[in-house]
Amino acid sequence: MMNRRRFVADTASAAGAAMFSRVPNVFAQSKIDLLIKGGRVVDPSVGLDAVRDIAIAGGRMVAVAPNVAGNAADVIDPAGKIVAPGLIDIHTHAGRSKEGPPLALQDGVTGWIDAGSAGADNIDKVAEVARSSPSVGRLLVNIARTGVVSPGGELHDLNLANVDLARGAIARHRDVVAGLKVRMSKDVTDDNDLECLRRAQEAAAPFNLPVMIHVGQNNSPMRAIL
């Protein structure tokens, strides 16, 4: 079963995320292209939260150490700032416009997922935003063919939760689709929430994709949803 931890891990793998734990503390000093010196390096994967230098050569981190010696072509002083692996945000709406991904990147997000902004009727535009993003972008297809409708909600009319159309949207953009999304709040679905979830799972099944659900003030109890 796909749980949140597995979902995040798989997305991180797909995005090619490089954690500091994989960086050797050996390097050829003469080949340092960039030295990030004296920043607060945070990497939860190895429990690291300390002042460290990071040496980069050939586009790769080659050393993470308290004091990296050697000359570098370029030196960044990140004093007072956090140096961390690129963040992965699995719930954004960055795909709504071409301005979204650059804004996410400014916040240190190097891998993002648009969580259901678009459905089958308008997924093509969001997919193109993901493909042209300066960082890694992925999408969750909204089971409602309209995508998010606010205010008002997109699933009051159960006919909008069209399984065949959702599958077609996934197939057209399989390279950037990471799963499906269904908003299950009462003001979005009325009492259709469990049926909308069932249809999202049905659409996702042939592609072995996960489904993200939004809960809050929903009609059905959490036990039934789970």
Protein backbone atom coordinates (compact mmCIF):
# COMPACT_ATOMS: atom_id res chain seq x y z
CA MET A 1 0.00 0.00 0.00
CA MET A 2 1.29 3.48 -0.88
CA ASN A 3 1.59 5.55 2.29
CA ARG A 4 2.81 9.13 2.70
CA ARG A 5 6.38 8.13 3.57
CA ARG A 6 6.63 5.92 0.47
CA PHE A 7 4.97 8.62 -1.66
CA VAL A 8 7.53 11.23 -0.58
CA ALA A 9 10.42 8.79 -0.97
CA ASP A 10 9.38 7.79 -4.48
CA THR A 11 8.91 11.42 -5.49
CA ALA A 12 12.31 12.30 -4.12
CA SER A 13 13.85 9.47 -6.10
CA ALA A 14 12.10 10.56 -9.28
CA ALA A 15 13.33 14.10 -8.78
CA GLY A 16 16.90 12.88 -8.40
CA ALA A 17 17.30 14.51 -5.01
CA ALA A 18 20.89 14.41 -3.72
CA MET A 19 21.20 14.34 0.04
CA PHE A 20 24.37 15.36 1.83
CA SER A 21 24.68 11.88 3.30
CA ARG A 22 25.88 10.65 -0.09
CA VAL A 23 28.75 13.13 -0.32
CA PRO A 24 32.26 11.82 0.33
CA ASN A 25 34.61 13.92 2.45
CA VAL A 26 37.45 13.49 -0.01
CA PHE A 27 38.17 15.63 -3.05
CA ALA A 28 40.86 16.97 -5.29
CA GLN A 29 41.54 20.48 -3.97
CA SER A 30 42.65 21.74 -7.36
CA LYS A 31 39.25 20.95 -8.85
CA ILE A 32 36.97 22.89 -6.51
CA ASP A 33 34.65 25.04 -8.60
CA LEU A 34 32.50 26.41 -5.78
CA LEU A 35 32.96 26.57 -2.02
CA ILE A 36 29.97 27.32 0.21
CA LYS A 37 31.78 28.24 3.39
CA GLY A 38 30.43 28.47 6.90
CA GLY A 39 26.70 27.94 6.42
CA ARG A 40 24.35 26.12 8.76
CA VAL A 41 24.01 22.80 6.97
CA VAL A 42 20.81 20.90 7.74
CA ASP A 43 20.22 17.36 6.48
CA PRO A 44 17.66 15.41 8.54
CA SER A 45 18.50 12.18 6.69
CA VAL A 46 21.77 11.93 8.64
CA GLY A 47 20.85 14.07 11.64
CA LEU A 48 23.17 16.87 10.54
CA ASP A 49 22.58 20.40 11.83
CA ALA A 50 25.92 22.17 12.12
CA VAL A 51 28.17 24.75 10.53
CA ARG A 52 29.92 23.11 7.59
CA ASP A 53 31.71 23.92 4.35
CA ILE A 54 30.51 22.38 1.10
CA ALA A 55 32.87 21.93 -1.85
CA ILE A 56 31.44 21.49 -5.33
CA ALA A 57 33.32 20.30 -8.40
CA GLY A 58 32.03 19.29 -11.79
CA GLY A 59 28.46 20.00 -10.72
CA ARG A 60 28.65 17.64 -7.72
CA MET A 61 29.20 18.05 -4.01
CA VAL A 62 32.58 16.48 -3.28
CA ALA A 63 33.04 17.40 0.37
CA VAL A 64 30.99 18.37 3.40
CA ALA A 65 33.32 19.12 6.30
CA PRO A 66 33.89 21.58 9.16
CA ASN A 67 36.75 23.30 7.35
CA VAL A 68 37.43 22.56 3.69
CA ALA A 69 40.85 23.83 2.70
CA GLY A 70 41.85 24.77 -0.80
CA ASN A 71 41.24 27.40 -3.42
CA ALA A 72 37.95 27.62 -5.25
CA ALA A 73 37.01 29.47 -8.40
CA ASP A 74 34.00 30.90 -6.55
CA VAL A 75 33.17 31.23 -2.86
CA ILE A 76 29.73 31.85 -1.33
CA ASP A 77 29.43 33.17 2.22
CA PRO A 78 26.07 31.87 3.57
CA ALA A 79 26.68 33.06 7.14
CA GLY A 80 23.39 33.26 9.02
CA LYS A 81 21.58 31.20 6.39
CA ILE A 82 20.54 27.55 6.12
CA VAL A 83 22.14 25.32 3.48
CA ALA A 84 19.97 22.27 2.81
CA PRO A 85 19.11 19.74 0.11
CA GLY A 86 16.46 21.05 -2.25
CA LEU A 87 13.01 20.89 -0.66
CA ILE A 88 10.24 18.72 -2.11
CA ASP A 89 6.75 20.17 -1.68
CA ILE A 90 4.05 17.59 -2.42
CA HIS A 91 1.10 19.99 -2.02
CA THR A 92 1.35 23.13 -4.15
CA HIS A 93 -0.67 24.77 -6.90
CA ALA A 94 2.45 25.95 -8.66
CA GLY A 95 1.21 24.61 -11.99
CA ARG A 96 -1.58 27.16 -12.30
CA SER A 97 0.70 29.64 -14.04
CA LYS A 98 4.21 29.85 -15.46
CA GLU A 99 5.12 32.18 -12.57
CA GLY A 100 4.46 29.47 -9.98
CA PRO A 101 7.55 27.26 -10.36
CA PRO A 102 10.09 30.14 -10.23
CA LEU A 103 8.43 31.42 -7.05
CA ALA A 104 8.69 27.94 -5.51
CA LEU A 105 12.36 27.78 -6.48
CA GLN A 106 13.02 31.07 -4.69
CA ASP A 107 11.81 29.36 -1.52
CA GLY A 108 14.26 26.48 -1.95
CA VAL A 109 11.70 24.09 -3.48
CA THR A 110 13.50 22.13 -6.19
CA GLY A 111 10.79 19.50 -6.61
CA TRP A 112 7.06 20.28 -6.48
CA ILE A 113 3.72 18.60 -7.07
CA ASP A 114 0.63 20.50 -8.16
CA ALA A 115 -2.13 18.94 -6.07
CA GLY A 116 -5.15 18.82 -8.30
CA SER A 117 -5.40 22.32 -9.76
CA ALA A 118 -6.56 20.79 -13.03
CA GLY A 119 -8.67 17.87 -14.17
CA ALA A 120 -9.16 16.24 -17.55
CA ASP A 121 -10.57 19.40 -19.14
CA ASN A 122 -7.61 21.66 -18.36
CA ILE A 123 -4.67 19.42 -17.47
CA ASP A 124 -2.79 20.11 -20.71
CA LYS A 125 -1.85 23.66 -19.70
CA VAL A 126 -0.67 22.62 -16.23
CA ALA A 127 1.37 19.78 -17.72
CA GLU A 128 3.19 22.24 -19.98
CA VAL A 129 3.99 24.43 -16.97
CA ALA A 130 5.50 21.38 -15.26
CA ARG A 131 7.59 20.48 -18.29
CA SER A 132 8.96 24.01 -18.66
CA SER A 133 9.61 24.47 -14.94
CA PRO A 134 13.17 25.42 -13.86
CA SER A 135 12.82 22.72 -11.20
CA VAL A 136 11.22 19.27 -11.20
CA GLY A 137 7.44 19.56 -11.48
CA ARG A 138 4.80 16.84 -11.20
CA LEU A 139 0.99 16.80 -11.17
CA LEU A 140 -1.93 15.18 -9.43
CA VAL A 141 -4.91 14.96 -11.77
CA ASN A 142 -8.10 16.11 -10.08
CA ILE A 143 -10.78 13.44 -10.38
CA ALA A 144 -13.17 16.31 -11.18
CA ARG A 145 -12.74 17.09 -14.87
CA THR A 146 -12.89 20.84 -14.08
CA GLY A 147 -10.06 20.81 -11.56
CA VAL A 148 -10.39 22.94 -8.43
CA VAL A 149 -13.46 25.17 -8.45
CA SER A 150 -13.43 27.78 -5.71
CA PRO A 151 -15.71 29.02 -4.37
CA GLY A 152 -18.42 26.48 -4.94
CA GLY A 153 -16.56 23.19 -5.13
CA GLU A 154 -16.02 20.89 -8.10
CA LEU A 155 -17.77 17.68 -7.05
CA HIS A 156 -21.34 18.65 -6.19
CA ASP A 157 -22.23 17.16 -9.57
CA LEU A 158 -21.02 13.55 -9.40
CA ASN A 159 -20.96 13.37 -13.20
CA LEU A 160 -17.86 15.57 -13.14
CA ALA A 161 -15.93 12.70 -11.49
CA ASN A 162 -15.39 10.90 -14.78
CA VAL A 163 -13.06 7.91 -14.56
CA ASP A 164 -12.47 7.50 -18.29
CA LEU A 165 -11.59 11.14 -18.79
CA ALA A 166 -9.22 11.07 -15.81
CA ARG A 167 -7.48 8.01 -17.23
CA GLY A 168 -7.12 9.77 -20.57
CA ALA A 169 -5.54 12.77 -18.86
CA ILE A 170 -3.06 10.52 -17.07
CA ALA A 171 -2.16 8.68 -20.26
CA ARG A 172 -1.58 11.93 -22.17
CA HIS A 173 0.79 13.26 -19.55
CA ARG A 174 2.17 10.16 -17.88
CA ASP A 175 5.67 11.69 -17.86
CA VAL A 176 4.60 14.38 -15.37
CA VAL A 177 1.61 12.81 -13.59
CA ALA A 178 2.38 11.48 -10.09
CA GLY A 179 -1.13 10.52 -8.99
CA LEU A 180 -4.71 11.72 -8.54
CA LYS A 181 -6.36 14.18 -6.19
CA VAL A 182 -9.84 14.28 -4.69
CA ARG A 183 -11.06 17.03 -2.40
CA MET A 184 -13.46 15.47 0.09
CA SER A 185 -14.63 18.44 2.16
CA LYS A 186 -18.40 18.75 2.50
CA ASP A 187 -18.46 22.07 0.65
CA VAL A 188 -16.79 20.37 -2.33
CA THR A 189 -18.53 16.99 -2.52
CA ASP A 190 -21.77 17.20 -0.49
CA ASP A 191 -22.45 13.54 0.41
CA ASN A 192 -20.58 12.21 -2.63
CA ASP A 193 -17.22 12.03 -0.89
CA LEU A 194 -16.75 8.25 -0.70
CA GLU A 195 -17.96 7.71 -4.25
CA CYS A 196 -15.57 10.41 -5.50
CA LEU A 197 -12.73 8.66 -3.69
CA ARG A 198 -13.74 5.32 -5.18
CA ARG A 199 -13.70 6.80 -8.67
CA ALA A 200 -10.29 8.39 -8.11
CA GLN A 201 -8.93 5.01 -7.02
CA GLU A 202 -10.52 3.36 -10.04
CA ALA A 203 -8.89 5.88 -12.37
CA ALA A 204 -5.50 5.44 -10.70
CA ALA A 205 -5.49 1.64 -10.56
CA PRO A 206 -4.33 0.80 -14.13
CA PHE A 207 -1.33 3.10 -13.68
CA ASN A 208 -0.50 1.94 -10.14
CA LEU A 209 -0.61 5.56 -8.94
CA PRO A 210 -1.43 6.94 -5.47
CA VAL A 211 -4.42 9.12 -4.60
CA MET A 212 -4.09 12.19 -2.41
CA ILE A 213 -7.23 13.19 -0.52
CA HIS A 214 -8.10 16.49 1.12
CA VAL A 215 -10.22 16.03 4.22
CA GLY A 216 -11.78 18.60 6.51
CA GLN A 217 -15.42 19.08 7.43
CA ASN A 218 -16.21 16.01 5.36
CA ASN A 219 -19.51 14.13 5.58
CA SER A 220 -18.10 10.64 6.01
CA PRO A 221 -16.17 9.74 9.18
CA MET A 222 -12.42 9.31 8.93
CA ARG A 223 -12.74 5.58 9.64
CA ALA A 224 -14.85 5.15 6.51
CA ILE A 225 -12.42 7.21 4.41
CA LEU A 226 -9.43 5.23 5.62
